[in-house]
């Protein structure tokens, strides 16, 4: 994701949102809120993390296809490696 400022910004925004939602879940549990409300908010955290992960994998795949090798000379991940990362999020 090095160099793709738009993708980095989008991922960071999603992660910050998830961080805030997780803090909300912790607070809800501490307050003794109803389990339905806690689980609903926890699901939102999970979706935000999944979307951040998908964005990272999608950006990596795009960079891998477009460039072939990393800017610093290191080998980019293969499509198989990216697929494994993507499936790890599923």
C-alpha atoms as a PDB file:
ATOM      1  CA  UNK A   1       0.000   0.000   0.000  1.00  0.00           C
ATOM      2  CA  UNK A   2       3.007   2.231  -0.086  1.00  0.00           C
ATOM      3  CA  UNK A   3       2.349   5.232  -2.288  1.00  0.00           C
ATOM      4  CA  UNK A   4      -1.415   4.836  -2.671  1.00  0.00           C
ATOM      5  CA  UNK A   5      -2.382   7.737  -0.428  1.00  0.00           C
ATOM      6  CA  UNK A   6      -6.106   7.499  -1.225  1.00  0.00           C
ATOM      7  CA  UNK A   7      -6.263   3.819  -0.291  1.00  0.00           C
ATOM      8  CA  UNK A   8      -4.191   4.387   2.848  1.00  0.00           C
ATOM      9  CA  UNK A   9      -6.500   7.209   3.894  1.00  0.00           C
ATOM     10  CA  UNK A  10      -9.600   5.065   3.312  1.00  0.00           C
ATOM     11  CA  UNK A  11      -8.168   2.176   5.339  1.00  0.00           C
ATOM     12  CA  UNK A  12      -7.124   4.450   8.189  1.00  0.00           C
ATOM     13  CA  UNK A  13     -10.586   6.034   8.264  1.00  0.00           C
ATOM     14  CA  UNK A  14     -12.226   2.606   8.459  1.00  0.00           C
ATOM     15  CA  UNK A  15      -9.859   1.493  11.210  1.00  0.00           C
ATOM     16  CA  UNK A  16     -10.432   4.659  13.216  1.00  0.00           C
ATOM     17  CA  UNK A  17     -14.179   4.164  12.865  1.00  0.00           C
ATOM     18  CA  UNK A  18     -13.817   0.573  14.053  1.00  0.00           C
ATOM     19  CA  UNK A  19     -11.682   1.744  16.965  1.00  0.00           C
ATOM     20  CA  UNK A  20     -14.409   4.169  18.028  1.00  0.00           C
ATOM     21  CA  UNK A  21     -17.088   1.513  17.630  1.00  0.00           C
ATOM     22  CA  UNK A  22     -15.067  -0.943  19.702  1.00  0.00           C
ATOM     23  CA  UNK A  23     -14.673   1.646  22.449  1.00  0.00           C
ATOM     24  CA  UNK A  24     -18.448   2.004  22.297  1.00  0.00           C
ATOM     25  CA  UNK A  25     -18.919  -1.755  22.685  1.00  0.00           C
ATOM     26  CA  UNK A  26     -16.637  -1.816  25.717  1.00  0.00           C
ATOM     27  CA  UNK A  27     -18.560   1.064  27.245  1.00  0.00           C
ATOM     28  CA  UNK A  28     -21.890  -0.641  26.524  1.00  0.00           C
ATOM     29  CA  UNK A  29     -20.731  -3.813  28.286  1.00  0.00           C
ATOM     30  CA  UNK A  30     -19.470  -1.806  31.263  1.00  0.00           C
ATOM     31  CA  UNK A  31     -22.854  -0.062  31.459  1.00  0.00           C
ATOM     32  CA  UNK A  32     -24.702  -3.371  31.370  1.00  0.00           C
ATOM     33  CA  UNK A  33     -26.518  -2.598  28.124  1.00  0.00           C
ATOM     34  CA  UNK A  34     -28.791  -5.194  26.544  1.00  0.00           C
ATOM     35  CA  UNK A  35     -26.976  -7.975  24.693  1.00  0.00           C
ATOM     36  CA  UNK A  36     -28.869  -7.225  21.449  1.00  0.00           C
ATOM     37  CA  UNK A  37     -27.461  -3.698  21.397  1.00  0.00           C
ATOM     38  CA  UNK A  38     -23.952  -4.911  22.211  1.00  0.00           C
ATOM     39  CA  UNK A  39     -24.012  -7.601  19.513  1.00  0.00           C
ATOM     40  CA  UNK A  40     -25.368  -5.150  16.928  1.00  0.00           C
ATOM     41  CA  UNK A  41     -22.535  -2.728  17.631  1.00  0.00           C
ATOM     42  CA  UNK A  42     -19.980  -5.542  17.687  1.00  0.00           C
ATOM     43  CA  UNK A  43     -21.178  -6.663  14.250  1.00  0.00           C
ATOM     44  CA  UNK A  44     -20.592  -3.124  12.989  1.00  0.00           C
ATOM     45  CA  UNK A  45     -17.024  -3.267  14.321  1.00  0.00           C
ATOM     46  CA  UNK A  46     -16.488  -6.575  12.572  1.00  0.00           C
ATOM     47  CA  UNK A  47     -17.787  -5.214   9.251  1.00  0.00           C
ATOM     48  CA  UNK A  48     -15.547  -2.147   9.511  1.00  0.00           C
ATOM     49  CA  UNK A  49     -12.492  -4.346  10.108  1.00  0.00           C
ATOM     50  CA  UNK A  50     -13.458  -6.661   7.245  1.00  0.00           C
ATOM     51  CA  UNK A  51     -13.835  -3.731   4.877  1.00  0.00           C
ATOM     52  CA  UNK A  52     -10.444  -2.363   5.888  1.00  0.00           C
ATOM     53  CA  UNK A  53      -8.887  -5.769   5.246  1.00  0.00           C
ATOM     54  CA  UNK A  54     -10.612  -6.117   1.882  1.00  0.00           C
ATOM     55  CA  UNK A  55      -9.384  -2.661   0.873  1.00  0.00           C
ATOM     56  CA  UNK A  56      -5.821  -3.614   1.809  1.00  0.00           C
ATOM     57  CA  UNK A  57      -5.996  -6.839  -0.205  1.00  0.00           C
ATOM     58  CA  UNK A  58      -7.666  -5.147  -3.183  1.00  0.00           C
ATOM     59  CA  UNK A  59      -5.042  -2.407  -3.205  1.00  0.00           C
ATOM     60  CA  UNK A  60      -2.263  -4.977  -2.975  1.00  0.00           C
ATOM     61  CA  UNK A  61      -3.733  -6.926  -5.868  1.00  0.00           C
ATOM     62  CA  UNK A  62      -4.025  -3.797  -7.974  1.00  0.00           C
ATOM     63  CA  UNK A  63      -0.427  -2.827  -7.191  1.00  0.00           C
ATOM     64  CA  UNK A  64       0.781  -6.373  -7.881  1.00  0.00           C
ATOM     65  CA  UNK A  65      -0.861  -6.433 -11.294  1.00  0.00           C
ATOM     66  CA  UNK A  66       0.169  -2.896 -12.232  1.00  0.00           C
ATOM     67  CA  UNK A  67       3.781  -2.952 -11.092  1.00  0.00           C
ATOM     68  CA  UNK A  68       5.016  -6.531 -10.998  1.00  0.00           C
ATOM     69  CA  UNK A  69       7.751  -5.650  -8.491  1.00  0.00           C
ATOM     70  CA  UNK A  70       7.853  -3.373  -5.507  1.00  0.00           C
ATOM     71  CA  UNK A  71       9.422   0.060  -5.746  1.00  0.00           C
ATOM     72  CA  UNK A  72      12.175  -0.983  -3.342  1.00  0.00           C
ATOM     73  CA  UNK A  73      13.087  -3.969  -5.511  1.00  0.00           C
ATOM     74  CA  UNK A  74      11.436  -6.583  -3.328  1.00  0.00           C
ATOM     75  CA  UNK A  75       9.108  -9.107  -4.887  1.00  0.00           C
ATOM     76  CA  UNK A  76       5.424  -8.246  -4.666  1.00  0.00           C
ATOM     77  CA  UNK A  77       3.051 -10.887  -3.346  1.00  0.00           C
ATOM     78  CA  UNK A  78       1.838 -13.420  -5.854  1.00  0.00           C
ATOM     79  CA  UNK A  79      -1.829 -13.663  -6.775  1.00  0.00           C
ATOM     80  CA  UNK A  80      -1.967 -16.909  -4.762  1.00  0.00           C
ATOM     81  CA  UNK A  81      -0.578 -15.148  -1.693  1.00  0.00           C
ATOM     82  CA  UNK A  82      -3.091 -12.322  -2.101  1.00  0.00           C
ATOM     83  CA  UNK A  83      -5.886 -14.856  -2.506  1.00  0.00           C
ATOM     84  CA  UNK A  84      -4.866 -16.538   0.761  1.00  0.00           C
ATOM     85  CA  UNK A  85      -4.924 -13.169   2.510  1.00  0.00           C
ATOM     86  CA  UNK A  86      -8.340 -12.408   1.063  1.00  0.00           C
ATOM     87  CA  UNK A  87      -9.703 -15.795   2.157  1.00  0.00           C
ATOM     88  CA  UNK A  88      -8.301 -15.259   5.647  1.00  0.00           C
ATOM     89  CA  UNK A  89     -10.811 -12.422   5.962  1.00  0.00           C
ATOM     90  CA  UNK A  90     -13.741 -14.598   4.910  1.00  0.00           C
END
